[in-house]
N, C-alpha and C. Protein backbone atom coordinates (compact mmCIF):
# COMPACT_ATOMS: atom_id res chain seq x y z
N UNK A 1 33.85 -15.83 32.22
CA UNK A 1 35.10 -16.32 31.67
C UNK A 1 36.24 -15.54 32.31
N UNK A 2 37.38 -16.18 32.45
CA UNK A 2 38.52 -15.53 33.07
C UNK A 2 39.15 -14.51 32.14
N UNK A 3 39.99 -13.71 32.71
CA UNK A 3 40.75 -12.68 31.99
C UNK A 3 41.45 -13.32 30.80
N UNK A 4 41.25 -12.83 29.56
CA UNK A 4 41.83 -13.48 28.39
C UNK A 4 43.36 -13.44 28.35
N UNK A 5 43.98 -12.53 29.06
CA UNK A 5 45.44 -12.45 29.05
C UNK A 5 46.08 -13.22 30.19
N UNK A 6 45.28 -13.85 31.03
CA UNK A 6 45.82 -14.60 32.15
C UNK A 6 46.50 -15.87 31.64
N UNK A 7 47.55 -16.29 32.33
CA UNK A 7 48.23 -17.53 32.00
C UNK A 7 47.66 -18.61 32.92
N UNK A 8 46.96 -19.60 32.37
CA UNK A 8 46.42 -20.66 33.21
C UNK A 8 47.55 -21.47 33.84
N UNK A 9 47.68 -21.42 35.15
CA UNK A 9 48.78 -22.08 35.84
C UNK A 9 48.33 -23.26 36.70
N UNK A 10 47.07 -23.51 36.80
CA UNK A 10 46.57 -24.47 37.76
C UNK A 10 46.98 -25.91 37.53
N UNK A 11 47.39 -26.28 36.34
CA UNK A 11 47.81 -27.66 36.11
C UNK A 11 49.34 -27.81 36.09
N UNK A 12 50.06 -26.70 36.28
CA UNK A 12 51.52 -26.72 36.18
C UNK A 12 52.15 -27.76 37.09
N UNK A 13 51.63 -27.92 38.29
CA UNK A 13 52.22 -28.87 39.24
C UNK A 13 52.06 -30.32 38.79
N UNK A 14 51.12 -30.59 37.90
CA UNK A 14 50.88 -31.95 37.44
C UNK A 14 51.78 -32.35 36.27
N UNK A 15 52.38 -31.37 35.60
CA UNK A 15 53.12 -31.64 34.37
C UNK A 15 54.61 -31.86 34.63
N UNK A 16 55.20 -32.65 33.77
CA UNK A 16 56.62 -32.96 33.85
C UNK A 16 57.34 -32.34 32.65
N UNK A 17 58.68 -32.15 32.75
CA UNK A 17 59.42 -31.54 31.64
C UNK A 17 59.36 -32.30 30.32
N UNK A 18 59.01 -33.57 30.35
CA UNK A 18 58.96 -34.34 29.10
C UNK A 18 57.54 -34.54 28.58
N UNK A 19 56.58 -33.80 29.11
CA UNK A 19 55.20 -33.90 28.63
C UNK A 19 55.02 -33.11 27.34
N UNK A 20 54.14 -33.61 26.48
CA UNK A 20 53.81 -32.94 25.22
C UNK A 20 52.32 -32.63 25.19
N UNK A 21 51.97 -31.57 24.44
CA UNK A 21 50.56 -31.21 24.37
C UNK A 21 50.20 -30.41 23.14
N UNK A 22 48.90 -30.34 22.90
CA UNK A 22 48.32 -29.53 21.83
C UNK A 22 47.28 -28.62 22.46
N UNK A 23 47.03 -27.51 21.81
CA UNK A 23 45.94 -26.62 22.21
C UNK A 23 45.18 -26.21 20.96
N UNK A 24 43.87 -26.08 21.10
CA UNK A 24 43.01 -25.68 20.00
C UNK A 24 42.29 -24.40 20.36
N UNK A 25 42.24 -23.47 19.39
CA UNK A 25 41.55 -22.19 19.58
C UNK A 25 40.94 -21.77 18.25
N UNK A 26 39.82 -21.06 18.29
CA UNK A 26 39.21 -20.59 17.04
C UNK A 26 39.96 -19.41 16.45
N UNK A 27 39.88 -19.27 15.14
CA UNK A 27 40.50 -18.13 14.46
C UNK A 27 39.77 -16.83 14.77
N UNK A 28 38.45 -16.90 14.83
CA UNK A 28 37.67 -15.67 15.03
C UNK A 28 36.83 -15.78 16.29
N UNK A 29 36.79 -14.69 17.05
CA UNK A 29 35.86 -14.57 18.17
C UNK A 29 34.70 -13.77 17.62
N UNK A 30 33.66 -14.45 17.20
CA UNK A 30 32.63 -13.82 16.39
C UNK A 30 31.44 -13.28 17.18
N UNK A 31 31.47 -13.40 18.49
CA UNK A 31 30.27 -13.02 19.22
C UNK A 31 30.67 -12.45 20.57
N UNK A 32 31.06 -11.20 20.62
CA UNK A 32 31.54 -10.60 21.86
C UNK A 32 30.49 -9.64 22.42
N UNK A 33 30.31 -9.70 23.74
CA UNK A 33 29.38 -8.79 24.39
C UNK A 33 29.93 -7.37 24.39
N UNK A 34 29.05 -6.42 24.32
CA UNK A 34 29.42 -5.01 24.41
C UNK A 34 29.13 -4.56 25.83
N UNK A 35 30.14 -4.01 26.49
CA UNK A 35 30.01 -3.51 27.86
C UNK A 35 29.44 -4.56 28.81
N UNK A 36 29.75 -5.82 28.60
CA UNK A 36 29.30 -6.88 29.50
C UNK A 36 27.82 -7.17 29.46
N UNK A 37 27.11 -6.64 28.49
CA UNK A 37 25.66 -6.82 28.39
C UNK A 37 25.36 -7.93 27.39
N UNK A 38 24.84 -9.10 27.87
CA UNK A 38 24.59 -10.21 26.95
C UNK A 38 23.59 -9.89 25.85
N UNK A 39 22.76 -8.90 26.05
CA UNK A 39 21.78 -8.52 25.03
C UNK A 39 22.42 -7.70 23.91
N UNK A 40 23.58 -7.13 24.17
CA UNK A 40 24.26 -6.31 23.16
C UNK A 40 25.53 -7.05 22.71
N UNK A 41 25.52 -7.53 21.50
CA UNK A 41 26.66 -8.29 20.98
C UNK A 41 27.12 -7.69 19.66
N UNK A 42 28.39 -7.91 19.38
CA UNK A 42 28.93 -7.47 18.10
C UNK A 42 29.75 -8.59 17.50
N UNK A 43 29.79 -8.67 16.20
CA UNK A 43 30.63 -9.63 15.51
C UNK A 43 31.99 -8.99 15.33
N UNK A 44 33.03 -9.67 15.76
CA UNK A 44 34.36 -9.07 15.75
C UNK A 44 35.38 -10.02 15.14
N UNK A 45 36.47 -9.45 14.72
CA UNK A 45 37.63 -10.22 14.29
C UNK A 45 38.68 -9.98 15.36
N UNK A 46 38.70 -10.84 16.36
CA UNK A 46 39.56 -10.68 17.52
C UNK A 46 40.32 -11.98 17.72
N UNK A 47 41.26 -12.22 16.84
CA UNK A 47 41.96 -13.50 16.83
C UNK A 47 42.74 -13.78 18.10
N UNK A 48 43.16 -12.76 18.80
CA UNK A 48 43.98 -12.98 19.98
C UNK A 48 43.19 -13.37 21.21
N UNK A 49 41.88 -13.26 21.18
CA UNK A 49 41.09 -13.51 22.37
C UNK A 49 41.34 -14.92 22.91
N UNK A 50 41.11 -15.94 22.12
CA UNK A 50 41.36 -17.31 22.57
C UNK A 50 42.73 -17.81 22.15
N UNK A 51 43.14 -17.47 20.94
CA UNK A 51 44.45 -17.93 20.47
C UNK A 51 45.55 -17.42 21.38
N UNK A 52 45.45 -16.16 21.80
CA UNK A 52 46.46 -15.59 22.70
C UNK A 52 46.55 -16.35 24.01
N UNK A 53 45.41 -16.72 24.56
CA UNK A 53 45.41 -17.50 25.80
C UNK A 53 46.03 -18.87 25.57
N UNK A 54 45.71 -19.50 24.45
CA UNK A 54 46.29 -20.81 24.14
C UNK A 54 47.80 -20.70 23.95
N UNK A 55 48.26 -19.66 23.28
CA UNK A 55 49.69 -19.47 23.09
C UNK A 55 50.41 -19.25 24.41
N UNK A 56 49.84 -18.43 25.28
CA UNK A 56 50.46 -18.20 26.59
C UNK A 56 50.48 -19.48 27.42
N UNK A 57 49.42 -20.27 27.32
CA UNK A 57 49.36 -21.57 28.01
C UNK A 57 50.52 -22.45 27.55
N UNK A 58 50.70 -22.55 26.24
CA UNK A 58 51.77 -23.39 25.69
C UNK A 58 53.15 -22.86 26.03
N UNK A 59 53.34 -21.55 25.97
CA UNK A 59 54.63 -20.95 26.35
C UNK A 59 54.95 -21.26 27.80
N UNK A 60 53.97 -21.11 28.65
CA UNK A 60 54.18 -21.33 30.08
C UNK A 60 54.55 -22.78 30.37
N UNK A 61 53.93 -23.72 29.67
CA UNK A 61 54.15 -25.13 29.96
C UNK A 61 55.25 -25.75 29.12
N UNK A 62 55.88 -25.01 28.24
CA UNK A 62 57.00 -25.53 27.46
C UNK A 62 56.76 -25.44 25.98
N UNK A 63 56.97 -24.24 25.43
CA UNK A 63 56.56 -23.99 24.05
C UNK A 63 57.20 -24.94 23.03
N UNK A 64 58.35 -25.52 23.34
CA UNK A 64 58.95 -26.43 22.36
C UNK A 64 58.23 -27.78 22.33
N UNK A 65 57.43 -28.07 23.33
CA UNK A 65 56.73 -29.35 23.40
C UNK A 65 55.21 -29.19 23.26
N UNK A 66 54.74 -27.97 23.12
CA UNK A 66 53.31 -27.70 23.01
C UNK A 66 53.04 -26.92 21.74
N UNK A 67 51.96 -27.24 21.07
CA UNK A 67 51.63 -26.60 19.79
C UNK A 67 50.19 -26.09 19.82
N UNK A 68 50.00 -24.85 19.36
CA UNK A 68 48.67 -24.28 19.23
C UNK A 68 48.18 -24.50 17.80
N UNK A 69 46.98 -25.01 17.67
CA UNK A 69 46.34 -25.15 16.37
C UNK A 69 45.15 -24.21 16.32
N UNK A 70 45.17 -23.31 15.36
CA UNK A 70 44.08 -22.35 15.20
C UNK A 70 43.08 -22.94 14.21
N UNK A 71 41.84 -23.05 14.67
CA UNK A 71 40.79 -23.69 13.88
C UNK A 71 39.98 -22.62 13.16
N UNK A 72 39.82 -22.78 11.85
CA UNK A 72 39.02 -21.85 11.08
C UNK A 72 37.56 -22.07 11.46
N UNK A 73 36.95 -21.08 12.06
CA UNK A 73 35.57 -21.23 12.52
C UNK A 73 34.60 -20.34 11.77
N UNK A 74 34.92 -20.01 10.55
CA UNK A 74 33.96 -19.26 9.75
C UNK A 74 34.62 -18.16 8.95
N UNK A 75 33.78 -17.37 8.37
CA UNK A 75 34.27 -16.27 7.54
C UNK A 75 34.78 -15.12 8.41
N UNK A 76 35.88 -14.55 7.97
CA UNK A 76 36.39 -13.34 8.60
C UNK A 76 35.34 -12.26 8.38
N UNK A 77 34.80 -11.65 9.46
CA UNK A 77 33.75 -10.66 9.27
C UNK A 77 34.21 -9.43 8.49
N UNK A 78 35.53 -9.20 8.40
CA UNK A 78 36.01 -8.03 7.68
C UNK A 78 36.26 -8.32 6.21
N UNK A 79 36.81 -9.51 5.89
CA UNK A 79 37.17 -9.82 4.50
C UNK A 79 36.24 -10.82 3.85
N UNK A 80 35.41 -11.50 4.64
CA UNK A 80 34.51 -12.55 4.15
C UNK A 80 35.27 -13.76 3.59
N UNK A 81 36.55 -13.92 3.98
CA UNK A 81 37.32 -15.07 3.56
C UNK A 81 37.05 -16.23 4.50
N UNK A 82 37.25 -17.45 4.04
CA UNK A 82 37.07 -18.63 4.86
C UNK A 82 35.70 -19.25 4.63
N UNK A 83 35.56 -20.53 4.98
CA UNK A 83 34.28 -21.17 4.78
C UNK A 83 34.15 -22.38 5.69
N UNK A 84 34.39 -22.19 6.98
CA UNK A 84 34.28 -23.29 7.93
C UNK A 84 33.23 -22.95 8.97
N UNK A 85 32.08 -22.51 8.48
CA UNK A 85 31.06 -22.00 9.37
C UNK A 85 30.13 -23.08 9.91
N UNK A 86 30.45 -24.33 9.73
CA UNK A 86 29.60 -25.39 10.26
C UNK A 86 30.34 -26.15 11.35
N UNK A 87 29.58 -26.72 12.27
CA UNK A 87 30.18 -27.54 13.32
C UNK A 87 30.97 -28.69 12.71
N UNK A 88 30.43 -29.30 11.66
CA UNK A 88 31.11 -30.44 11.03
C UNK A 88 32.48 -30.03 10.48
N UNK A 89 32.56 -28.87 9.86
CA UNK A 89 33.84 -28.40 9.30
C UNK A 89 34.86 -28.13 10.41
N UNK A 90 34.41 -27.55 11.50
CA UNK A 90 35.32 -27.27 12.62
C UNK A 90 35.79 -28.58 13.26
N UNK A 91 34.85 -29.49 13.48
CA UNK A 91 35.21 -30.79 14.06
C UNK A 91 36.23 -31.50 13.21
N UNK A 92 35.99 -31.50 11.89
CA UNK A 92 36.87 -32.25 10.99
C UNK A 92 38.30 -31.72 11.04
N UNK A 93 38.47 -30.42 11.18
CA UNK A 93 39.82 -29.86 11.28
C UNK A 93 40.55 -30.45 12.49
N UNK A 94 39.87 -30.52 13.61
CA UNK A 94 40.49 -31.05 14.83
C UNK A 94 40.76 -32.54 14.68
N UNK A 95 39.80 -33.27 14.16
CA UNK A 95 40.01 -34.71 13.97
C UNK A 95 41.18 -34.98 13.02
N UNK A 96 41.31 -34.19 11.96
CA UNK A 96 42.41 -34.35 11.03
C UNK A 96 43.75 -34.07 11.69
N UNK A 97 43.81 -33.01 12.49
CA UNK A 97 45.06 -32.66 13.19
C UNK A 97 45.47 -33.80 14.12
N UNK A 98 44.52 -34.30 14.89
CA UNK A 98 44.84 -35.40 15.81
C UNK A 98 45.21 -36.66 15.04
N UNK A 99 44.48 -36.97 13.99
CA UNK A 99 44.77 -38.16 13.21
C UNK A 99 46.17 -38.10 12.60
N UNK A 100 46.59 -36.92 12.15
CA UNK A 100 47.91 -36.75 11.53
C UNK A 100 49.04 -36.64 12.55
N UNK A 101 48.72 -36.42 13.81
CA UNK A 101 49.76 -36.24 14.84
C UNK A 101 50.56 -37.53 14.98
N UNK A 102 51.89 -37.43 14.85
CA UNK A 102 52.74 -38.61 14.98
C UNK A 102 53.90 -38.40 15.95
N UNK A 103 53.73 -37.46 16.88
CA UNK A 103 54.74 -37.19 17.89
C UNK A 103 54.57 -38.10 19.10
N UNK A 104 55.26 -37.75 20.18
CA UNK A 104 55.13 -38.51 21.42
C UNK A 104 53.69 -38.47 21.93
N UNK A 105 53.34 -39.46 22.72
CA UNK A 105 51.99 -39.49 23.31
C UNK A 105 51.74 -38.18 24.05
N UNK A 106 50.56 -37.63 23.83
CA UNK A 106 50.20 -36.33 24.41
C UNK A 106 49.76 -36.48 25.86
N UNK A 107 50.18 -35.54 26.69
CA UNK A 107 49.72 -35.49 28.08
C UNK A 107 48.62 -34.45 28.26
N UNK A 108 48.64 -33.40 27.42
CA UNK A 108 47.70 -32.29 27.57
C UNK A 108 47.09 -31.96 26.21
N UNK A 109 45.76 -31.80 26.18
CA UNK A 109 45.07 -31.26 25.02
C UNK A 109 44.16 -30.16 25.55
N UNK A 110 44.56 -28.91 25.29
CA UNK A 110 43.83 -27.76 25.80
C UNK A 110 42.81 -27.24 24.80
N UNK A 111 41.67 -26.81 25.32
CA UNK A 111 40.60 -26.26 24.49
C UNK A 111 40.32 -24.84 24.96
N UNK A 112 40.45 -23.88 24.06
CA UNK A 112 40.27 -22.46 24.36
C UNK A 112 39.24 -21.89 23.39
N UNK A 113 38.01 -21.70 23.83
CA UNK A 113 36.96 -21.21 22.93
C UNK A 113 35.71 -20.88 23.74
N UNK A 114 34.67 -20.42 23.07
CA UNK A 114 33.38 -20.27 23.73
C UNK A 114 32.86 -21.65 24.09
N UNK A 115 32.16 -21.72 25.21
CA UNK A 115 31.61 -23.00 25.64
C UNK A 115 30.18 -22.86 26.09
N UNK A 116 29.50 -23.98 26.06
CA UNK A 116 28.09 -24.05 26.43
C UNK A 116 27.92 -25.29 27.29
N UNK A 117 26.83 -25.40 27.98
CA UNK A 117 26.60 -26.56 28.84
C UNK A 117 26.78 -27.87 28.07
N UNK A 118 26.37 -27.86 26.81
CA UNK A 118 26.38 -29.10 26.05
C UNK A 118 27.34 -29.12 24.87
N UNK A 119 28.30 -28.18 24.83
CA UNK A 119 29.25 -28.22 23.72
C UNK A 119 30.22 -27.06 23.71
N UNK A 120 31.03 -27.02 22.65
CA UNK A 120 32.02 -25.96 22.50
C UNK A 120 31.94 -25.35 21.10
N UNK A 121 32.44 -24.15 20.99
CA UNK A 121 32.44 -23.39 19.74
C UNK A 121 33.16 -24.15 18.61
N UNK A 122 34.08 -25.01 18.96
CA UNK A 122 34.87 -25.71 17.94
C UNK A 122 34.12 -26.88 17.32
N UNK A 123 32.82 -27.01 17.60
CA UNK A 123 31.99 -27.94 16.86
C UNK A 123 31.57 -29.22 17.55
N UNK A 124 32.11 -29.50 18.71
CA UNK A 124 31.74 -30.73 19.41
C UNK A 124 30.66 -30.44 20.43
N UNK A 125 29.70 -31.38 20.55
CA UNK A 125 28.64 -31.20 21.54
C UNK A 125 28.04 -32.55 21.89
N UNK A 126 27.13 -32.52 22.86
CA UNK A 126 26.41 -33.72 23.28
C UNK A 126 24.91 -33.47 23.18
N UNK A 127 24.50 -32.54 22.32
CA UNK A 127 23.09 -32.12 22.20
C UNK A 127 22.15 -33.26 21.80
N UNK A 128 22.63 -34.16 20.95
CA UNK A 128 21.80 -35.25 20.47
C UNK A 128 22.71 -36.43 20.11
N UNK A 129 22.14 -37.53 19.72
CA UNK A 129 22.92 -38.73 19.43
C UNK A 129 23.95 -38.51 18.33
N UNK A 130 23.59 -37.77 17.30
CA UNK A 130 24.51 -37.47 16.21
C UNK A 130 25.73 -36.70 16.70
N UNK A 131 25.47 -35.66 17.48
CA UNK A 131 26.55 -34.83 18.01
C UNK A 131 27.41 -35.63 18.99
N UNK A 132 26.78 -36.45 19.83
CA UNK A 132 27.56 -37.28 20.76
C UNK A 132 28.44 -38.25 19.99
N UNK A 133 27.95 -38.76 18.86
CA UNK A 133 28.76 -39.66 18.03
C UNK A 133 30.01 -38.97 17.52
N UNK A 134 29.87 -37.72 17.10
CA UNK A 134 31.03 -36.95 16.63
C UNK A 134 32.00 -36.68 17.77
N UNK A 135 31.46 -36.39 18.94
CA UNK A 135 32.32 -36.16 20.12
C UNK A 135 33.01 -37.46 20.51
N UNK A 136 32.33 -38.58 20.36
CA UNK A 136 32.96 -39.87 20.64
C UNK A 136 34.12 -40.15 19.69
N UNK A 137 34.03 -39.67 18.44
CA UNK A 137 35.17 -39.80 17.51
C UNK A 137 36.38 -39.07 18.07
N UNK A 138 36.16 -37.88 18.61
CA UNK A 138 37.25 -37.12 19.23
C UNK A 138 37.84 -37.92 20.39
N UNK A 139 36.99 -38.45 21.24
CA UNK A 139 37.48 -39.20 22.40
C UNK A 139 38.25 -40.44 21.97
N UNK A 140 37.81 -41.11 20.91
CA UNK A 140 38.54 -42.28 20.40
C UNK A 140 39.93 -41.89 19.91
N UNK A 141 40.02 -40.77 19.20
CA UNK A 141 41.34 -40.31 18.72
C UNK A 141 42.23 -39.91 19.89
N UNK A 142 41.66 -39.26 20.88
CA UNK A 142 42.45 -38.89 22.07
C UNK A 142 42.98 -40.15 22.75
N UNK A 143 42.19 -41.19 22.82
CA UNK A 143 42.64 -42.43 23.45
C UNK A 143 43.82 -43.04 22.69
N UNK A 144 43.85 -42.86 21.37
CA UNK A 144 44.94 -43.39 20.55
C UNK A 144 46.21 -42.56 20.64
N UNK A 145 46.07 -41.24 20.75
CA UNK A 145 47.21 -40.33 20.64
C UNK A 145 47.72 -39.81 21.98
N UNK A 146 47.02 -40.13 23.06
CA UNK A 146 47.35 -39.53 24.35
C UNK A 146 47.68 -40.58 25.40
N UNK A 147 48.41 -40.13 26.39
CA UNK A 147 48.73 -40.97 27.53
C UNK A 147 47.47 -41.24 28.35
N UNK A 148 47.47 -42.33 29.13
CA UNK A 148 46.29 -42.62 29.95
C UNK A 148 46.02 -41.56 31.01
N UNK A 149 47.03 -40.81 31.41
CA UNK A 149 46.85 -39.75 32.41
C UNK A 149 46.64 -38.39 31.75
N UNK A 150 45.98 -38.39 30.61
CA UNK A 150 45.70 -37.17 29.84
C UNK A 150 45.00 -36.12 30.70
N UNK A 151 45.41 -34.87 30.50
CA UNK A 151 44.75 -33.72 31.12
C UNK A 151 44.13 -32.91 29.98
N UNK A 152 42.84 -32.60 30.10
CA UNK A 152 42.14 -31.81 29.09
C UNK A 152 41.60 -30.54 29.75
N UNK A 153 42.45 -29.49 29.83
CA UNK A 153 41.92 -28.23 30.36
C UNK A 153 40.98 -27.60 29.34
N UNK A 154 39.76 -27.33 29.76
CA UNK A 154 38.76 -26.74 28.88
C UNK A 154 38.50 -25.32 29.37
N UNK A 155 39.08 -24.36 28.68
CA UNK A 155 38.88 -22.94 29.00
C UNK A 155 37.75 -22.44 28.11
N UNK A 156 36.53 -22.81 28.49
CA UNK A 156 35.34 -22.50 27.70
C UNK A 156 34.17 -22.39 28.69
N UNK A 157 33.58 -21.24 28.77
CA UNK A 157 32.49 -20.99 29.73
C UNK A 157 31.41 -22.06 29.65
N UNK A 158 30.83 -22.36 30.77
CA UNK A 158 29.62 -23.19 30.93
C UNK A 158 29.80 -24.66 30.60
N UNK A 159 30.94 -25.12 30.11
CA UNK A 159 31.09 -26.54 29.78
C UNK A 159 31.09 -27.41 31.03
N UNK A 160 31.38 -26.82 32.18
CA UNK A 160 31.36 -27.58 33.43
C UNK A 160 30.02 -27.54 34.13
N UNK A 161 29.03 -26.95 33.50
CA UNK A 161 27.71 -26.82 34.10
C UNK A 161 26.79 -27.93 33.62
N UNK A 162 25.92 -28.37 34.52
CA UNK A 162 24.92 -29.36 34.12
C UNK A 162 23.63 -28.69 33.70
N UNK A 163 23.48 -27.43 34.09
CA UNK A 163 22.23 -26.73 33.82
C UNK A 163 21.13 -27.12 34.78
N UNK A 164 21.47 -28.01 35.73
CA UNK A 164 20.48 -28.48 36.70
C UNK A 164 20.93 -28.22 38.13
N UNK A 165 21.92 -27.35 38.31
CA UNK A 165 22.45 -27.02 39.64
C UNK A 165 22.97 -28.23 40.40
N UNK A 166 23.50 -29.21 39.68
CA UNK A 166 24.06 -30.39 40.32
C UNK A 166 25.54 -30.18 40.55
N UNK A 167 26.07 -30.75 41.63
CA UNK A 167 27.48 -30.67 41.93
C UNK A 167 28.30 -31.35 40.84
N UNK A 168 29.43 -30.78 40.50
CA UNK A 168 30.35 -31.40 39.55
C UNK A 168 29.93 -31.34 38.10
N UNK A 169 28.88 -30.62 37.78
CA UNK A 169 28.47 -30.47 36.40
C UNK A 169 27.98 -31.75 35.76
N UNK A 170 27.43 -32.66 36.57
CA UNK A 170 26.94 -33.93 36.04
C UNK A 170 26.01 -33.71 34.85
N UNK A 171 26.31 -34.37 33.74
CA UNK A 171 25.48 -34.28 32.55
C UNK A 171 25.90 -33.20 31.57
N UNK A 172 26.88 -32.37 31.93
CA UNK A 172 27.36 -31.33 31.04
C UNK A 172 28.45 -31.84 30.10
N UNK A 173 28.93 -30.96 29.23
CA UNK A 173 29.93 -31.33 28.23
C UNK A 173 31.25 -31.79 28.88
N UNK A 174 31.74 -31.03 29.85
CA UNK A 174 33.00 -31.42 30.50
C UNK A 174 32.87 -32.76 31.21
N UNK A 175 31.71 -33.01 31.81
CA UNK A 175 31.45 -34.29 32.46
C UNK A 175 31.52 -35.43 31.43
N UNK A 176 30.94 -35.22 30.27
CA UNK A 176 30.96 -36.22 29.22
C UNK A 176 32.39 -36.51 28.77
N UNK A 177 33.18 -35.46 28.60
CA UNK A 177 34.59 -35.65 28.20
C UNK A 177 35.36 -36.39 29.28
N UNK A 178 35.13 -36.00 30.53
CA UNK A 178 35.84 -36.63 31.65
C UNK A 178 35.50 -38.10 31.78
N UNK A 179 34.22 -38.43 31.65
CA UNK A 179 33.80 -39.83 31.86
C UNK A 179 34.18 -40.69 30.69
């Protein structure tokens, strides 16, 4: 994954001053490696890890036209508050936000979270028919609320991978969203 404090600039040339966008990030980064060792993990309350990147993304691209939505992704490990520890609960928060959105057609919907070959930390995946159906609900809402030239930057590790060493991540989560 890239440096969490970096400002993603790679899509800047594609955007216009009148473009609008949303970004989604989890409230808690609950699974961080210790010293870069995947076998050593700790549960942390590190809200700025993804939210900070999403906020910098929105500031860079026009903070008055871009909004960050922080998704409750479970209990705070320090206070035990919250109760959105299921994929369905996380998905529903995003679907509700998009369904309630009544602003100009969106050009950008950014995703900032942990990612996997077949899904994202925010609850959407393509692991099985049920999960693909829920992801299709997201895509249907995006089609209603977004411009046809929508850009979906996914800052989530492994979502562009197919797991089969194929070019372009054919069969992975990002491929499913793109197609």
